Amino acid sequence: MNNTPNIELLKCSGINKWYGNLHALKDVDMTINKGEVIGLIGDNGAGKSTLIKVICGVHKLDEGEVFFEGNKVEIDNPKSAMKLGIETIHQYSTMFQEMSIARNVFIGREPKKFGLNFLGLLDEKTMERESMKSINEVGLDLRSPHIPVKELSGGERQGVAIARSMFFKSKMLILDEPTNHLSVKETLKVLEYIQSLKK
């Protein structure tokens, strides 16, 4: 029996989204508590991906309110979602196939040795060390941070994406069809990664 109190993380109230005459989301109410793993299930075209894109800032809602950790928030773009601690791994994950695991973990948020903003040299040693640490924490056994992502299996790529979200201390992780095109064995491994995140 779980005696952990329900602490509200995300609340969507009366969410509506139109694409022209198409009413993609109609009065959607949803509450997600901290430490929960939930599945969003529905037919093709039911609005699952649209709701995810509203929460992660890819699309703006037309009507309704979103609350995060009890505060009303405006999620105008993916960066504002990430600042709140909402990370999204889309169905067609934005990984750079030719780049290494370490570069993919830190893509867009690379640590620098010196300098400000886009100036300075990449701190590659930190990227290599911290990426492998995060990957080990999700139970993924990869031999080197230098391996190009294109050499990984589908399940391993999902594991790297989840490790990235863990490193950046996300409060909420959204996975859009994370087991699509994966074998049964890889699907079970991804589900293990998700349970490790919950812990």
C-alpha atoms as a PDB file:
ATOM      1  CA  MET A   1       0.000   0.000   0.000  1.00  0.00           C
ATOM      2  CA  ASN A   2       1.316   3.453  -0.941  1.00  0.00           C
ATOM      3  CA  ASN A   3       0.833   6.032   1.815  1.00  0.00           C
ATOM      4  CA  THR A   4       2.640   8.806  -0.091  1.00  0.00           C
ATOM      5  CA  PRO A   5       0.390  11.909  -0.185  1.00  0.00           C
ATOM      6  CA  ASN A   6      -0.704  13.137  -3.617  1.00  0.00           C
ATOM      7  CA  ILE A   7       1.203  16.335  -4.392  1.00  0.00           C
ATOM      8  CA  GLU A   8      -0.069  18.038  -7.511  1.00  0.00           C
ATOM      9  CA  LEU A   9       2.584  18.634 -10.162  1.00  0.00           C
ATOM     10  CA  LEU A  10       0.615  19.542 -13.295  1.00  0.00           C
ATOM     11  CA  LYS A  11      -3.011  20.539 -13.679  1.00  0.00           C
ATOM     12  CA  CYS A  12      -4.720  21.278 -16.991  1.00  0.00           C
ATOM     13  CA  SER A  13      -8.127  22.911 -16.758  1.00  0.00           C
ATOM     14  CA  GLY A  14     -10.543  23.386 -19.662  1.00  0.00           C
ATOM     15  CA  ILE A  15      -7.900  23.025 -22.377  1.00  0.00           C
ATOM     16  CA  ASN A  16      -9.155  23.759 -25.885  1.00  0.00           C
ATOM     17  CA  LYS A  17      -7.182  23.762 -29.129  1.00  0.00           C
ATOM     18  CA  TRP A  18      -8.434  24.369 -32.670  1.00  0.00           C
ATOM     19  CA  TYR A  19      -6.707  23.910 -36.015  1.00  0.00           C
ATOM     20  CA  GLY A  20      -8.986  25.941 -38.252  1.00  0.00           C
ATOM     21  CA  ASN A  21     -12.381  24.218 -38.006  1.00  0.00           C
ATOM     22  CA  LEU A  22     -10.921  21.112 -36.347  1.00  0.00           C
ATOM     23  CA  HIS A  23     -11.529  21.069 -32.587  1.00  0.00           C
ATOM     24  CA  ALA A  24      -8.478  18.980 -31.612  1.00  0.00           C
ATOM     25  CA  LEU A  25      -8.823  19.341 -27.815  1.00  0.00           C
ATOM     26  CA  LYS A  26     -12.190  19.962 -26.165  1.00  0.00           C
ATOM     27  CA  ASP A  27     -12.402  20.996 -22.492  1.00  0.00           C
ATOM     28  CA  VAL A  28      -9.557  18.709 -21.360  1.00  0.00           C
ATOM     29  CA  ASP A  29      -9.056  18.453 -17.592  1.00  0.00           C
ATOM     30  CA  MET A  30      -6.089  16.478 -16.269  1.00  0.00           C
ATOM     31  CA  THR A  31      -4.110  16.328 -13.039  1.00  0.00           C
ATOM     32  CA  ILE A  32      -0.747  14.616 -12.611  1.00  0.00           C
ATOM     33  CA  ASN A  33       0.815  14.209  -9.172  1.00  0.00           C
ATOM     34  CA  LYS A  34       4.491  14.029  -8.281  1.00  0.00           C
ATOM     35  CA  GLY A  35       5.953  10.527  -8.502  1.00  0.00           C
ATOM     36  CA  GLU A  36       3.207   9.226 -10.780  1.00  0.00           C
ATOM     37  CA  VAL A  37       3.709   7.303 -13.987  1.00  0.00           C
ATOM     38  CA  ILE A  38       0.616   7.614 -16.161  1.00  0.00           C
ATOM     39  CA  GLY A  39      -0.287   6.518 -19.657  1.00  0.00           C
ATOM     40  CA  LEU A  40      -2.357   8.602 -22.058  1.00  0.00           C
ATOM     41  CA  ILE A  41      -4.417   6.233 -24.191  1.00  0.00           C
ATOM     42  CA  GLY A  42      -6.719   6.893 -27.130  1.00  0.00           C
ATOM     43  CA  ASP A  43      -7.411   6.257 -30.799  1.00  0.00           C
ATOM     44  CA  ASN A  44      -5.368   7.854 -33.562  1.00  0.00           C
ATOM     45  CA  GLY A  45      -6.541  11.440 -33.917  1.00  0.00           C
ATOM     46  CA  ALA A  46      -7.912  11.584 -30.369  1.00  0.00           C
ATOM     47  CA  GLY A  47      -5.598  14.480 -29.470  1.00  0.00           C
ATOM     48  CA  LYS A  48      -2.889  12.761 -27.398  1.00  0.00           C
ATOM     49  CA  SER A  49       0.041  14.314 -29.267  1.00  0.00           C
ATOM     50  CA  THR A  50      -1.712  17.685 -29.412  1.00  0.00           C
ATOM     51  CA  LEU A  51      -2.117  17.711 -25.625  1.00  0.00           C
ATOM     52  CA  ILE A  52       1.564  16.777 -25.199  1.00  0.00           C
ATOM     53  CA  LYS A  53       2.585  19.581 -27.568  1.00  0.00           C
ATOM     54  CA  VAL A  54       0.508  22.091 -25.596  1.00  0.00           C
ATOM     55  CA  ILE A  55       2.095  21.019 -22.296  1.00  0.00           C
ATOM     56  CA  CYS A  56       5.646  21.133 -23.681  1.00  0.00           C
ATOM     57  CA  GLY A  57       5.171  24.482 -25.465  1.00  0.00           C
ATOM     58  CA  VAL A  58       5.251  23.359 -29.099  1.00  0.00           C
ATOM     59  CA  HIS A  59       1.655  24.609 -29.580  1.00  0.00           C
ATOM     60  CA  LYS A  60      -0.186  27.335 -27.663  1.00  0.00           C
ATOM     61  CA  LEU A  61      -3.556  26.491 -26.176  1.00  0.00           C
ATOM     62  CA  ASP A  62      -6.545  28.515 -27.375  1.00  0.00           C
ATOM     63  CA  GLU A  63      -8.561  28.290 -24.163  1.00  0.00           C
ATOM     64  CA  GLY A  64      -7.935  26.981 -20.678  1.00  0.00           C
ATOM     65  CA  GLU A  65      -5.327  27.148 -17.940  1.00  0.00           C
ATOM     66  CA  VAL A  66      -2.203  25.226 -17.000  1.00  0.00           C
ATOM     67  CA  PHE A  67      -0.867  25.066 -13.440  1.00  0.00           C
ATOM     68  CA  PHE A  68       2.574  23.712 -12.522  1.00  0.00           C
ATOM     69  CA  GLU A  69       3.462  23.063  -8.885  1.00  0.00           C
ATOM     70  CA  GLY A  70       0.372  25.038  -7.900  1.00  0.00           C
ATOM     71  CA  ASN A  71       1.174  28.139  -9.954  1.00  0.00           C
ATOM     72  CA  LYS A  72      -0.618  29.258 -13.097  1.00  0.00           C
ATOM     73  CA  VAL A  73       1.907  29.217 -15.952  1.00  0.00           C
ATOM     74  CA  GLU A  74       2.107  30.349 -19.567  1.00  0.00           C
ATOM     75  CA  ILE A  75       4.016  27.788 -21.619  1.00  0.00           C
ATOM     76  CA  ASP A  76       4.728  29.761 -24.775  1.00  0.00           C
ATOM     77  CA  ASN A  77       7.541  27.637 -26.210  1.00  0.00           C
ATOM     78  CA  PRO A  78       9.655  24.564 -25.407  1.00  0.00           C
ATOM     79  CA  LYS A  79      12.266  26.678 -23.594  1.00  0.00           C
ATOM     80  CA  SER A  80       9.688  27.988 -21.125  1.00  0.00           C
ATOM     81  CA  ALA A  81       8.588  24.386 -20.480  1.00  0.00           C
ATOM     82  CA  MET A  82      12.200  23.321 -19.885  1.00  0.00           C
ATOM     83  CA  LYS A  83      12.715  26.223 -17.450  1.00  0.00           C
ATOM     84  CA  LEU A  84       9.780  24.878 -15.430  1.00  0.00           C
ATOM     85  CA  GLY A  85      11.380  21.418 -15.449  1.00  0.00           C
ATOM     86  CA  ILE A  86       9.216  19.794 -18.143  1.00  0.00           C
ATOM     87  CA  GLU A  87      11.272  17.672 -20.550  1.00  0.00           C
ATOM     88  CA  THR A  88       9.768  15.944 -23.569  1.00  0.00           C
ATOM     89  CA  ILE A  89      11.095  13.043 -25.598  1.00  0.00           C
ATOM     90  CA  HIS A  90       9.137  13.122 -28.823  1.00  0.00           C
ATOM     91  CA  GLN A  91       8.235  10.072 -30.869  1.00  0.00           C
ATOM     92  CA  TYR A  92      10.851  11.019 -33.440  1.00  0.00           C
ATOM     93  CA  SER A  93      13.535  11.986 -30.956  1.00  0.00           C
ATOM     94  CA  THR A  94      15.735  14.901 -31.885  1.00  0.00           C
ATOM     95  CA  MET A  95      19.032  13.094 -31.584  1.00  0.00           C
ATOM     96  CA  PHE A  96      21.970  13.770 -33.814  1.00  0.00           C
ATOM     97  CA  GLN A  97      22.931  10.418 -35.271  1.00  0.00           C
ATOM     98  CA  GLU A  98      26.536  11.269 -36.170  1.00  0.00           C
ATOM     99  CA  MET A  99      27.299  12.877 -32.801  1.00  0.00           C
ATOM    100  CA  SER A 100      28.531  11.057 -29.721  1.00  0.00           C
ATOM    101  CA  ILE A 101      26.435  10.043 -26.727  1.00  0.00           C
ATOM    102  CA  ALA A 102      28.060  12.800 -24.646  1.00  0.00           C
ATOM    103  CA  ARG A 103      27.262  15.493 -27.216  1.00  0.00           C
ATOM    104  CA  ASN A 104      23.645  14.309 -27.460  1.00  0.00           C
ATOM    105  CA  VAL A 105      23.155  14.379 -23.678  1.00  0.00           C
ATOM    106  CA  PHE A 106      24.293  18.013 -23.541  1.00  0.00           C
ATOM    107  CA  ILE A 107      23.070  19.268 -26.923  1.00  0.00           C
ATOM    108  CA  GLY A 108      22.077  22.937 -26.615  1.00  0.00           C
ATOM    109  CA  ARG A 109      23.253  23.102 -22.972  1.00  0.00           C
ATOM    110  CA  GLU A 110      26.952  22.343 -23.299  1.00  0.00           C
ATOM    111  CA  PRO A 111      29.205  23.317 -20.363  1.00  0.00           C
ATOM    112  CA  LYS A 112      32.003  25.708 -21.259  1.00  0.00           C
ATOM    113  CA  LYS A 113      35.564  25.951 -19.927  1.00  0.00           C
ATOM    114  CA  PHE A 114      35.505  29.726 -20.120  1.00  0.00           C
ATOM    115  CA  GLY A 115      33.597  32.534 -21.777  1.00  0.00           C
ATOM    116  CA  LEU A 116      29.976  33.592 -21.861  1.00  0.00           C
ATOM    117  CA  ASN A 117      26.988  32.303 -23.800  1.00  0.00           C
ATOM    118  CA  PHE A 118      28.142  30.974 -27.177  1.00  0.00           C
ATOM    119  CA  LEU A 119      31.786  31.926 -26.584  1.00  0.00           C
ATOM    120  CA  GLY A 120      34.346  29.616 -24.991  1.00  0.00           C
ATOM    121  CA  LEU A 121      35.498  26.043 -25.406  1.00  0.00           C
ATOM    122  CA  LEU A 122      33.347  23.020 -24.665  1.00  0.00           C
ATOM    123  CA  ASP A 123      34.205  21.259 -21.415  1.00  0.00           C
ATOM    124  CA  GLU A 124      34.365  17.847 -23.048  1.00  0.00           C
ATOM    125  CA  LYS A 125      35.754  16.046 -19.981  1.00  0.00           C
ATOM    126  CA  THR A 126      32.753  17.130 -17.897  1.00  0.00           C
ATOM    127  CA  MET A 127      30.364  16.144 -20.680  1.00  0.00           C
ATOM    128  CA  GLU A 128      31.944  12.683 -20.981  1.00  0.00           C
ATOM    129  CA  ARG A 129      32.019  12.050 -17.226  1.00  0.00           C
ATOM    130  CA  GLU A 130      28.527  13.337 -16.423  1.00  0.00           C
ATOM    131  CA  SER A 131      26.846  11.704 -19.424  1.00  0.00           C
ATOM    132  CA  MET A 132      28.219   8.275 -18.451  1.00  0.00           C
ATOM    133  CA  LYS A 133      27.200   8.810 -14.833  1.00  0.00           C
ATOM    134  CA  SER A 134      23.605   9.607 -15.849  1.00  0.00           C
ATOM    135  CA  ILE A 135      23.515   6.685 -18.275  1.00  0.00           C
ATOM    136  CA  ASN A 136      24.688   4.291 -15.544  1.00  0.00           C
ATOM    137  CA  GLU A 137      22.009   5.664 -13.188  1.00  0.00           C
ATOM    138  CA  VAL A 138      19.235   4.533 -15.555  1.00  0.00           C
ATOM    139  CA  GLY A 139      20.850   1.083 -15.773  1.00  0.00           C
ATOM    140  CA  LEU A 140      22.164   1.467 -19.309  1.00  0.00           C
ATOM    141  CA  ASP A 141      25.476  -0.292 -19.910  1.00  0.00           C
ATOM    142  CA  LEU A 142      27.395   1.523 -22.647  1.00  0.00           C
ATOM    143  CA  ARG A 143      31.144   1.246 -22.997  1.00  0.00           C
ATOM    144  CA  SER A 144      32.037   4.816 -23.980  1.00  0.00           C
ATOM    145  CA  PRO A 145      30.596   8.357 -24.214  1.00  0.00           C
ATOM    146  CA  HIS A 146      32.249   8.642 -27.655  1.00  0.00           C
ATOM    147  CA  ILE A 147      29.952   6.101 -29.375  1.00  0.00           C
ATOM    148  CA  PRO A 148      27.906   7.752 -32.163  1.00  0.00           C
ATOM    149  CA  VAL A 149      24.183   7.563 -31.462  1.00  0.00           C
ATOM    150  CA  LYS A 150      23.605   5.873 -34.841  1.00  0.00           C
ATOM    151  CA  GLU A 151      25.325   2.750 -33.455  1.00  0.00           C
ATOM    152  CA  LEU A 152      22.809   2.388 -30.604  1.00  0.00           C
ATOM    153  CA  SER A 153      19.620   0.327 -30.644  1.00  0.00           C
ATOM    154  CA  GLY A 154      16.243   2.042 -30.389  1.00  0.00           C
ATOM    155  CA  GLY A 155      15.949   1.146 -26.705  1.00  0.00           C
ATOM    156  CA  GLU A 156      19.445   2.443 -25.966  1.00  0.00           C
ATOM    157  CA  ARG A 157      18.630   5.745 -27.673  1.00  0.00           C
ATOM    158  CA  GLN A 158      15.565   6.120 -25.476  1.00  0.00           C
ATOM    159  CA  GLY A 159      17.769   5.349 -22.464  1.00  0.00           C
ATOM    160  CA  VAL A 160      20.196   8.127 -23.471  1.00  0.00           C
ATOM    161  CA  ALA A 161      17.298  10.575 -23.880  1.00  0.00           C
ATOM    162  CA  ILE A 162      15.972   9.639 -20.421  1.00  0.00           C
ATOM    163  CA  ALA A 163      19.484   9.985 -18.939  1.00  0.00           C
ATOM    164  CA  ARG A 164      19.626  13.491 -20.409  1.00  0.00           C
ATOM    165  CA  SER A 165      16.411  14.462 -18.649  1.00  0.00           C
ATOM    166  CA  MET A 166      17.730  13.022 -15.375  1.00  0.00           C
ATOM    167  CA  PHE A 167      20.956  15.013 -15.606  1.00  0.00           C
ATOM    168  CA  PHE A 168      19.084  18.274 -16.084  1.00  0.00           C
ATOM    169  CA  LYS A 169      16.882  17.495 -13.060  1.00  0.00           C
ATOM    170  CA  SER A 170      13.576  17.548 -14.891  1.00  0.00           C
ATOM    171  CA  LYS A 171      10.514  17.504 -12.643  1.00  0.00           C
ATOM    172  CA  MET A 172       8.285  15.987 -15.284  1.00  0.00           C
ATOM    173  CA  LEU A 173       9.219  13.796 -18.236  1.00  0.00           C
ATOM    174  CA  ILE A 174       6.839  13.331 -21.154  1.00  0.00           C
ATOM    175  CA  LEU A 175       7.479  10.409 -23.503  1.00  0.00           C
ATOM    176  CA  ASP A 176       5.559  10.445 -26.782  1.00  0.00           C
ATOM    177  CA  GLU A 177       5.152   6.797 -27.871  1.00  0.00           C
ATOM    178  CA  PRO A 178       8.516   5.758 -26.362  1.00  0.00           C
ATOM    179  CA  THR A 179       8.184   2.088 -27.313  1.00  0.00           C
ATOM    180  CA  ASN A 180       7.085   2.592 -30.913  1.00  0.00           C
ATOM    181  CA  HIS A 181       9.160   0.428 -33.299  1.00  0.00           C
ATOM    182  CA  LEU A 182      10.954  -1.305 -30.391  1.00  0.00           C
ATOM    183  CA  SER A 183      11.232  -5.040 -29.793  1.00  0.00           C
ATOM    184  CA  VAL A 184       9.555  -6.615 -26.752  1.00  0.00           C
ATOM    185  CA  LYS A 185      12.928  -6.832 -24.983  1.00  0.00           C
ATOM    186  CA  GLU A 186      13.742  -3.172 -25.675  1.00  0.00           C
ATOM    187  CA  THR A 187      10.233  -2.132 -24.640  1.00  0.00           C
ATOM    188  CA  LEU A 188      10.682  -3.835 -21.263  1.00  0.00           C
ATOM    189  CA  LYS A 189      14.023  -2.058 -20.840  1.00  0.00           C
ATOM    190  CA  VAL A 190      12.473   1.351 -21.543  1.00  0.00           C
ATOM    191  CA  LEU A 191       9.784   0.595 -18.944  1.00  0.00           C
ATOM    192  CA  GLU A 192      12.604  -0.178 -16.476  1.00  0.00           C
ATOM    193  CA  TYR A 193      14.169   3.212 -17.257  1.00  0.00           C
ATOM    194  CA  ILE A 194      10.825   4.889 -16.530  1.00  0.00           C
ATOM    195  CA  GLN A 195      10.532   3.100 -13.168  1.00  0.00           C
ATOM    196  CA  SER A 196      14.072   4.204 -12.288  1.00  0.00           C
ATOM    197  CA  LEU A 197      13.037   7.806 -12.968  1.00  0.00           C
ATOM    198  CA  LYS A 198      10.089   7.450 -10.615  1.00  0.00           C
ATOM    199  CA  LYS A 199      12.426   6.285  -7.837  1.00  0.00           C
END
